């Protein structure tokens, strides 16, 4: 079961900070991040990759994006 970070409605850098907080807390596994802007999608993806996490998928939803990241 993936951990979920709901960062919809937050402006940068909050979605990135929430994502990095969850990455540090978990260390590994799978995280789904919900964002509602292109900027947040790009920034969260970049931050996750810089921490060694893999972007599994980015799904466009009605109100934004669901980014799934993973680290083994």
PDB file of N, CA and C in Angstrom:
ATOM      1  N   UNK A   1       0.848  -1.188   0.000  1.00  0.00           N
ATOM      2  CA  UNK A   1       0.000   0.000   0.000  1.00  0.00           C
ATOM      3  C   UNK A   1       0.888   1.244   0.000  1.00  0.00           C
ATOM      4  N   UNK A   2       0.664   2.084  -0.958  1.00  0.00           N
ATOM      5  CA  UNK A   2       1.483   3.296  -1.084  1.00  0.00           C
ATOM      6  C   UNK A   2       1.063   4.341  -0.055  1.00  0.00           C
ATOM      7  N   UNK A   3       2.047   5.064   0.416  1.00  0.00           N
ATOM      8  CA  UNK A   3       1.810   6.240   1.260  1.00  0.00           C
ATOM      9  C   UNK A   3       1.273   7.332   0.336  1.00  0.00           C
ATOM     10  N   UNK A   4       0.322   8.133   0.808  1.00  0.00           N
ATOM     11  CA  UNK A   4      -0.250   9.178  -0.041  1.00  0.00           C
ATOM     12  C   UNK A   4       0.070  10.556   0.533  1.00  0.00           C
ATOM     13  N   UNK A   5       0.592  11.439  -0.338  1.00  0.00           N
ATOM     14  CA  UNK A   5       0.844  12.824   0.031  1.00  0.00           C
ATOM     15  C   UNK A   5      -0.123  13.668  -0.790  1.00  0.00           C
ATOM     16  N   UNK A   6      -1.065  14.316  -0.130  1.00  0.00           N
ATOM     17  CA  UNK A   6      -2.033  15.156  -0.838  1.00  0.00           C
ATOM     18  C   UNK A   6      -1.575  16.608  -0.740  1.00  0.00           C
ATOM     19  N   UNK A   7      -0.968  17.086  -1.835  1.00  0.00           N
ATOM     20  CA  UNK A   7      -0.436  18.450  -1.851  1.00  0.00           C
ATOM     21  C   UNK A   7      -1.271  19.360  -2.751  1.00  0.00           C
ATOM     22  N   UNK A   8      -2.503  18.929  -3.040  1.00  0.00           N
ATOM     23  CA  UNK A   8      -3.372  19.754  -3.886  1.00  0.00           C
ATOM     24  C   UNK A   8      -3.747  21.030  -3.141  1.00  0.00           C
ATOM     25  N   UNK A   9      -3.771  22.128  -3.877  1.00  0.00           N
ATOM     26  CA  UNK A   9      -4.140  23.398  -3.283  1.00  0.00           C
ATOM     27  C   UNK A   9      -2.986  24.109  -2.592  1.00  0.00           C
ATOM     28  N   UNK A  10      -1.822  23.492  -2.564  1.00  0.00           N
ATOM     29  CA  UNK A  10      -0.661  24.110  -1.931  1.00  0.00           C
ATOM     30  C   UNK A  10       0.238  24.716  -3.001  1.00  0.00           C
ATOM     31  N   UNK A  11       0.858  25.839  -2.673  1.00  0.00           N
ATOM     32  CA  UNK A  11       1.757  26.449  -3.647  1.00  0.00           C
ATOM     33  C   UNK A  11       3.195  26.072  -3.313  1.00  0.00           C
ATOM     34  N   UNK A  12       4.037  26.090  -4.326  1.00  0.00           N
ATOM     35  CA  UNK A  12       5.440  25.737  -4.130  1.00  0.00           C
ATOM     36  C   UNK A  12       6.063  26.686  -3.112  1.00  0.00           C
ATOM     37  N   UNK A  13       6.955  26.197  -2.266  1.00  0.00           N
ATOM     38  CA  UNK A  13       7.575  24.869  -2.328  1.00  0.00           C
ATOM     39  C   UNK A  13       6.893  23.815  -1.456  1.00  0.00           C
ATOM     40  N   UNK A  14       5.676  24.070  -0.975  1.00  0.00           N
ATOM     41  CA  UNK A  14       5.045  23.137  -0.031  1.00  0.00           C
ATOM     42  C   UNK A  14       4.917  21.694  -0.550  1.00  0.00           C
ATOM     43  N   UNK A  15       4.451  21.474  -1.801  1.00  0.00           N
ATOM     44  CA  UNK A  15       4.359  20.080  -2.267  1.00  0.00           C
ATOM     45  C   UNK A  15       5.705  19.357  -2.243  1.00  0.00           C
ATOM     46  N   UNK A  16       6.777  20.075  -2.614  1.00  0.00           N
ATOM     47  CA  UNK A  16       8.116  19.483  -2.592  1.00  0.00           C
ATOM     48  C   UNK A  16       8.527  19.174  -1.159  1.00  0.00           C
ATOM     49  N   UNK A  17       8.288  20.096  -0.250  1.00  0.00           N
ATOM     50  CA  UNK A  17       8.668  19.893   1.153  1.00  0.00           C
ATOM     51  C   UNK A  17       7.919  18.712   1.762  1.00  0.00           C
ATOM     52  N   UNK A  18       6.621  18.606   1.474  1.00  0.00           N
ATOM     53  CA  UNK A  18       5.830  17.474   1.986  1.00  0.00           C
ATOM     54  C   UNK A  18       6.355  16.151   1.422  1.00  0.00           C
ATOM     55  N   UNK A  19       6.692  16.162   0.132  1.00  0.00           N
ATOM     56  CA  UNK A  19       7.218  14.951  -0.508  1.00  0.00           C
ATOM     57  C   UNK A  19       8.544  14.546   0.119  1.00  0.00           C
ATOM     58  N   UNK A  20       9.451  15.503   0.285  1.00  0.00           N
ATOM     59  CA  UNK A  20      10.764  15.198   0.857  1.00  0.00           C
ATOM     60  C   UNK A  20      10.642  14.719   2.300  1.00  0.00           C
ATOM     61  N   UNK A  21       9.703  15.288   3.043  1.00  0.00           N
ATOM     62  CA  UNK A  21       9.448  14.861   4.427  1.00  0.00           C
ATOM     63  C   UNK A  21       9.024  13.381   4.453  1.00  0.00           C
ATOM     64  N   UNK A  22       8.125  13.022   3.531  1.00  0.00           N
ATOM     65  CA  UNK A  22       7.636  11.634   3.464  1.00  0.00           C
ATOM     66  C   UNK A  22       8.745  10.693   3.007  1.00  0.00           C
ATOM     67  N   UNK A  23       9.558  11.128   2.035  1.00  0.00           N
ATOM     68  CA  UNK A  23      10.695  10.322   1.562  1.00  0.00           C
ATOM     69  C   UNK A  23      11.639  10.027   2.728  1.00  0.00           C
ATOM     70  N   UNK A  24      11.940  11.049   3.523  1.00  0.00           N
ATOM     71  CA  UNK A  24      12.860  10.859   4.658  1.00  0.00           C
ATOM     72  C   UNK A  24      12.251   9.941   5.702  1.00  0.00           C
ATOM     73  N   UNK A  25      10.938  10.071   5.923  1.00  0.00           N
ATOM     74  CA  UNK A  25      10.250   9.257   6.934  1.00  0.00           C
ATOM     75  C   UNK A  25      10.239   7.782   6.523  1.00  0.00           C
ATOM     76  N   UNK A  26       9.949   7.510   5.245  1.00  0.00           N
ATOM     77  CA  UNK A  26       9.827   6.132   4.790  1.00  0.00           C
ATOM     78  C   UNK A  26      11.163   5.483   4.447  1.00  0.00           C
ATOM     79  N   UNK A  27      12.048   6.241   3.799  1.00  0.00           N
ATOM     80  CA  UNK A  27      13.335   5.680   3.399  1.00  0.00           C
ATOM     81  C   UNK A  27      13.262   4.877   2.114  1.00  0.00           C
ATOM     82  N   UNK A  28      12.199   4.072   1.977  1.00  0.00           N
ATOM     83  CA  UNK A  28      11.987   3.301   0.746  1.00  0.00           C
ATOM     84  C   UNK A  28      10.523   2.908   0.668  1.00  0.00           C
ATOM     85  N   UNK A  29      10.140   2.351  -0.465  1.00  0.00           N
ATOM     86  CA  UNK A  29       8.752   1.942  -0.658  1.00  0.00           C
ATOM     87  C   UNK A  29       8.121   2.700  -1.805  1.00  0.00           C
ATOM     88  N   UNK A  30       6.818   2.918  -1.703  1.00  0.00           N
ATOM     89  CA  UNK A  30       6.086   3.577  -2.773  1.00  0.00           C
ATOM     90  C   UNK A  30       5.277   4.736  -2.192  1.00  0.00           C
ATOM     91  N   UNK A  31       5.299   5.858  -2.904  1.00  0.00           N
ATOM     92  CA  UNK A  31       4.569   7.050  -2.465  1.00  0.00           C
ATOM     93  C   UNK A  31       3.775   7.593  -3.641  1.00  0.00           C
ATOM     94  N   UNK A  32       2.525   7.968  -3.375  1.00  0.00           N
ATOM     95  CA  UNK A  32       1.707   8.658  -4.376  1.00  0.00           C
ATOM     96  C   UNK A  32       1.566  10.104  -3.932  1.00  0.00           C
ATOM     97  N   UNK A  33       1.917  11.018  -4.831  1.00  0.00           N
ATOM     98  CA  UNK A  33       1.814  12.443  -4.510  1.00  0.00           C
ATOM     99  C   UNK A  33       0.744  13.050  -5.406  1.00  0.00           C
ATOM    100  N   UNK A  34      -0.216  13.736  -4.796  1.00  0.00           N
ATOM    101  CA  UNK A  34      -1.290  14.389  -5.542  1.00  0.00           C
ATOM    102  C   UNK A  34      -1.008  15.883  -5.592  1.00  0.00           C
ATOM    103  N   UNK A  35      -0.922  16.414  -6.813  1.00  0.00           N
ATOM    104  CA  UNK A  35      -0.671  17.850  -6.995  1.00  0.00           C
ATOM    105  C   UNK A  35      -1.662  18.389  -8.024  1.00  0.00           C
ATOM    106  N   UNK A  36      -1.817  19.708  -8.048  1.00  0.00           N
ATOM    107  CA  UNK A  36      -2.809  20.258  -8.977  1.00  0.00           C
ATOM    108  C   UNK A  36      -2.255  21.299  -9.948  1.00  0.00           C
ATOM    109  N   UNK A  37      -0.913  21.402 -10.039  1.00  0.00           N
ATOM    110  CA  UNK A  37      -0.336  22.312 -11.033  1.00  0.00           C
ATOM    111  C   UNK A  37       0.829  21.642 -11.757  1.00  0.00           C
ATOM    112  N   UNK A  38       1.086  22.123 -12.977  1.00  0.00           N
ATOM    113  CA  UNK A  38       2.226  21.611 -13.752  1.00  0.00           C
ATOM    114  C   UNK A  38       3.537  21.878 -13.024  1.00  0.00           C
ATOM    115  N   UNK A  39       3.639  23.066 -12.426  1.00  0.00           N
ATOM    116  CA  UNK A  39       4.862  23.439 -11.714  1.00  0.00           C
ATOM    117  C   UNK A  39       5.135  22.478 -10.565  1.00  0.00           C
ATOM    118  N   UNK A  40       4.100  22.175  -9.785  1.00  0.00           N
ATOM    119  CA  UNK A  40       4.272  21.228  -8.673  1.00  0.00           C
ATOM    120  C   UNK A  40       4.660  19.854  -9.195  1.00  0.00           C
ATOM    121  N   UNK A  41       4.038  19.430 -10.297  1.00  0.00           N
ATOM    122  CA  UNK A  41       4.358  18.121 -10.889  1.00  0.00           C
ATOM    123  C   UNK A  41       5.841  18.059 -11.252  1.00  0.00           C
ATOM    124  N   UNK A  42       6.331  19.093 -11.926  1.00  0.00           N
ATOM    125  CA  UNK A  42       7.737  19.124 -12.335  1.00  0.00           C
ATOM    126  C   UNK A  42       8.672  19.168 -11.128  1.00  0.00           C
ATOM    127  N   UNK A  43       8.378  20.046 -10.186  1.00  0.00           N
ATOM    128  CA  UNK A  43       9.255  20.225  -9.026  1.00  0.00           C
ATOM    129  C   UNK A  43       9.298  18.995  -8.132  1.00  0.00           C
ATOM    130  N   UNK A  44       8.141  18.377  -7.903  1.00  0.00           N
ATOM    131  CA  UNK A  44       8.082  17.166  -7.066  1.00  0.00           C
ATOM    132  C   UNK A  44       8.835  16.024  -7.750  1.00  0.00           C
ATOM    133  N   UNK A  45       8.629  15.869  -9.060  1.00  0.00           N
ATOM    134  CA  UNK A  45       9.322  14.804  -9.808  1.00  0.00           C
ATOM    135  C   UNK A  45      10.835  14.985  -9.725  1.00  0.00           C
ATOM    136  N   UNK A  46      11.283  16.211  -9.939  1.00  0.00           N
ATOM    137  CA  UNK A  46      12.723  16.506  -9.903  1.00  0.00           C
ATOM    138  C   UNK A  46      13.298  16.247  -8.512  1.00  0.00           C
ATOM    139  N   UNK A  47      12.586  16.681  -7.480  1.00  0.00           N
ATOM    140  CA  UNK A  47      13.060  16.499  -6.104  1.00  0.00           C
ATOM    141  C   UNK A  47      13.156  15.017  -5.756  1.00  0.00           C
ATOM    142  N   UNK A  48      12.150  14.242  -6.155  1.00  0.00           N
ATOM    143  CA  UNK A  48      12.155  12.803  -5.860  1.00  0.00           C
ATOM    144  C   UNK A  48      13.334  12.122  -6.549  1.00  0.00           C
ATOM    145  N   UNK A  49      13.552  12.464  -7.812  1.00  0.00           N
ATOM    146  CA  UNK A  49      14.663  11.849  -8.549  1.00  0.00           C
ATOM    147  C   UNK A  49      16.010  12.239  -7.942  1.00  0.00           C
ATOM    148  N   UNK A  50      16.125  13.464  -7.463  1.00  0.00           N
ATOM    149  CA  UNK A  50      17.386  13.911  -6.868  1.00  0.00           C
ATOM    150  C   UNK A  50      17.680  13.156  -5.570  1.00  0.00           C
ATOM    151  N   UNK A  51      16.636  12.593  -4.959  1.00  0.00           N
ATOM    152  CA  UNK A  51      16.807  11.803  -3.733  1.00  0.00           C
ATOM    153  C   UNK A  51      16.970  10.308  -4.046  1.00  0.00           C
ATOM    154  N   UNK A  52      17.058   9.978  -5.338  1.00  0.00           N
ATOM    155  CA  UNK A  52      17.284   8.588  -5.732  1.00  0.00           C
ATOM    156  C   UNK A  52      16.018   7.769  -5.909  1.00  0.00           C
ATOM    157  N   UNK A  53      14.858   8.433  -5.965  1.00  0.00           N
ATOM    158  CA  UNK A  53      13.595   7.737  -6.164  1.00  0.00           C
ATOM    159  C   UNK A  53      13.256   7.679  -7.642  1.00  0.00           C
ATOM    160  N   UNK A  54      12.586   6.621  -8.029  1.00  0.00           N
ATOM    161  CA  UNK A  54      12.208   6.396  -9.423  1.00  0.00           C
ATOM    162  C   UNK A  54      10.776   6.867  -9.631  1.00  0.00           C
ATOM    163  N   UNK A  55      10.543   7.581 -10.740  1.00  0.00           N
ATOM    164  CA  UNK A  55       9.177   7.975 -11.093  1.00  0.00           C
ATOM    165  C   UNK A  55       8.543   6.779 -11.794  1.00  0.00           C
ATOM    166  N   UNK A  56       7.558   6.149 -11.160  1.00  0.00           N
ATOM    167  CA  UNK A  56       6.888   5.005 -11.787  1.00  0.00           C
ATOM    168  C   UNK A  56       5.893   5.470 -12.836  1.00  0.00           C
ATOM    169  N   UNK A  57       5.074   6.454 -12.462  1.00  0.00           N
ATOM    170  CA  UNK A  57       4.100   6.968 -13.424  1.00  0.00           C
ATOM    171  C   UNK A  57       3.556   8.313 -12.961  1.00  0.00           C
ATOM    172  N   UNK A  58       3.107   9.076 -13.951  1.00  0.00           N
ATOM    173  CA  UNK A  58       2.423  10.340 -13.687  1.00  0.00           C
ATOM    174  C   UNK A  58       1.103  10.265 -14.438  1.00  0.00           C
ATOM    175  N   UNK A  59       0.018  10.289 -13.694  1.00  0.00           N
ATOM    176  CA  UNK A  59      -1.312  10.157 -14.285  1.00  0.00           C
ATOM    177  C   UNK A  59      -2.031  11.494 -14.177  1.00  0.00           C
ATOM    178  N   UNK A  60      -2.516  11.980 -15.322  1.00  0.00           N
ATOM    179  CA  UNK A  60      -3.283  13.219 -15.300  1.00  0.00           C
ATOM    180  C   UNK A  60      -4.693  12.878 -14.851  1.00  0.00           C
ATOM    181  N   UNK A  61      -5.164  13.593 -13.832  1.00  0.00           N
ATOM    182  CA  UNK A  61      -6.496  13.360 -13.301  1.00  0.00           C
ATOM    183  C   UNK A  61      -7.351  14.601 -13.535  1.00  0.00           C
ATOM    184  N   UNK A  62      -8.598  14.507 -13.145  1.00  0.00           N
ATOM    185  CA  UNK A  62      -9.521  15.616 -13.368  1.00  0.00           C
ATOM    186  C   UNK A  62      -9.014  16.920 -12.769  1.00  0.00           C
ATOM    187  N   UNK A  63      -8.457  16.826 -11.576  1.00  0.00           N
ATOM    188  CA  UNK A  63      -8.000  18.042 -10.886  1.00  0.00           C
ATOM    189  C   UNK A  63      -6.515  17.976 -10.584  1.00  0.00           C
ATOM    190  N   UNK A  64      -5.705  17.679 -11.585  1.00  0.00           N
ATOM    191  CA  UNK A  64      -4.269  17.679 -11.375  1.00  0.00           C
ATOM    192  C   UNK A  64      -3.590  16.385 -11.785  1.00  0.00           C
ATOM    193  N   UNK A  65      -2.619  15.973 -10.988  1.00  0.00           N
ATOM    194  CA  UNK A  65      -1.800  14.812 -11.325  1.00  0.00           C
ATOM    195  C   UNK A  65      -1.583  13.919 -10.111  1.00  0.00           C
ATOM    196  N   UNK A  66      -1.402  12.631 -10.413  1.00  0.00           N
ATOM    197  CA  UNK A  66      -0.985  11.678  -9.367  1.00  0.00           C
ATOM    198  C   UNK A  66       0.374  11.143  -9.796  1.00  0.00           C
ATOM    199  N   UNK A  67       1.378  11.448  -8.990  1.00  0.00           N
ATOM    200  CA  UNK A  67       2.738  11.023  -9.268  1.00  0.00           C
ATOM    201  C   UNK A  67       3.051   9.844  -8.363  1.00  0.00           C
ATOM    202  N   UNK A  68       3.454   8.735  -8.946  1.00  0.00           N
ATOM    203  CA  UNK A  68       3.817   7.556  -8.155  1.00  0.00           C
ATOM    204  C   UNK A  68       5.327   7.390  -8.228  1.00  0.00           C
ATOM    205  N   UNK A  69       5.973   7.378  -7.057  1.00  0.00           N
ATOM    206  CA  UNK A  69       7.415   7.205  -6.995  1.00  0.00           C
ATOM    207  C   UNK A  69       7.750   5.972  -6.154  1.00  0.00           C
ATOM    208  N   UNK A  70       8.949   5.424  -6.379  1.00  0.00           N
ATOM    209  CA  UNK A  70       9.307   4.198  -5.681  1.00  0.00           C
ATOM    210  C   UNK A  70      10.810   4.141  -5.452  1.00  0.00           C
ATOM    211  N   UNK A  71      11.173   3.522  -4.345  1.00  0.00           N
ATOM    212  CA  UNK A  71      12.568   3.225  -4.072  1.00  0.00           C
ATOM    213  C   UNK A  71      12.625   1.885  -3.348  1.00  0.00           C
ATOM    214  N   UNK A  72      13.492   0.997  -3.849  1.00  0.00           N
ATOM    215  CA  UNK A  72      13.624  -0.340  -3.241  1.00  0.00           C
ATOM    216  C   UNK A  72      14.650  -0.340  -2.111  1.00  0.00           C
TER     217      UNK A  72
END
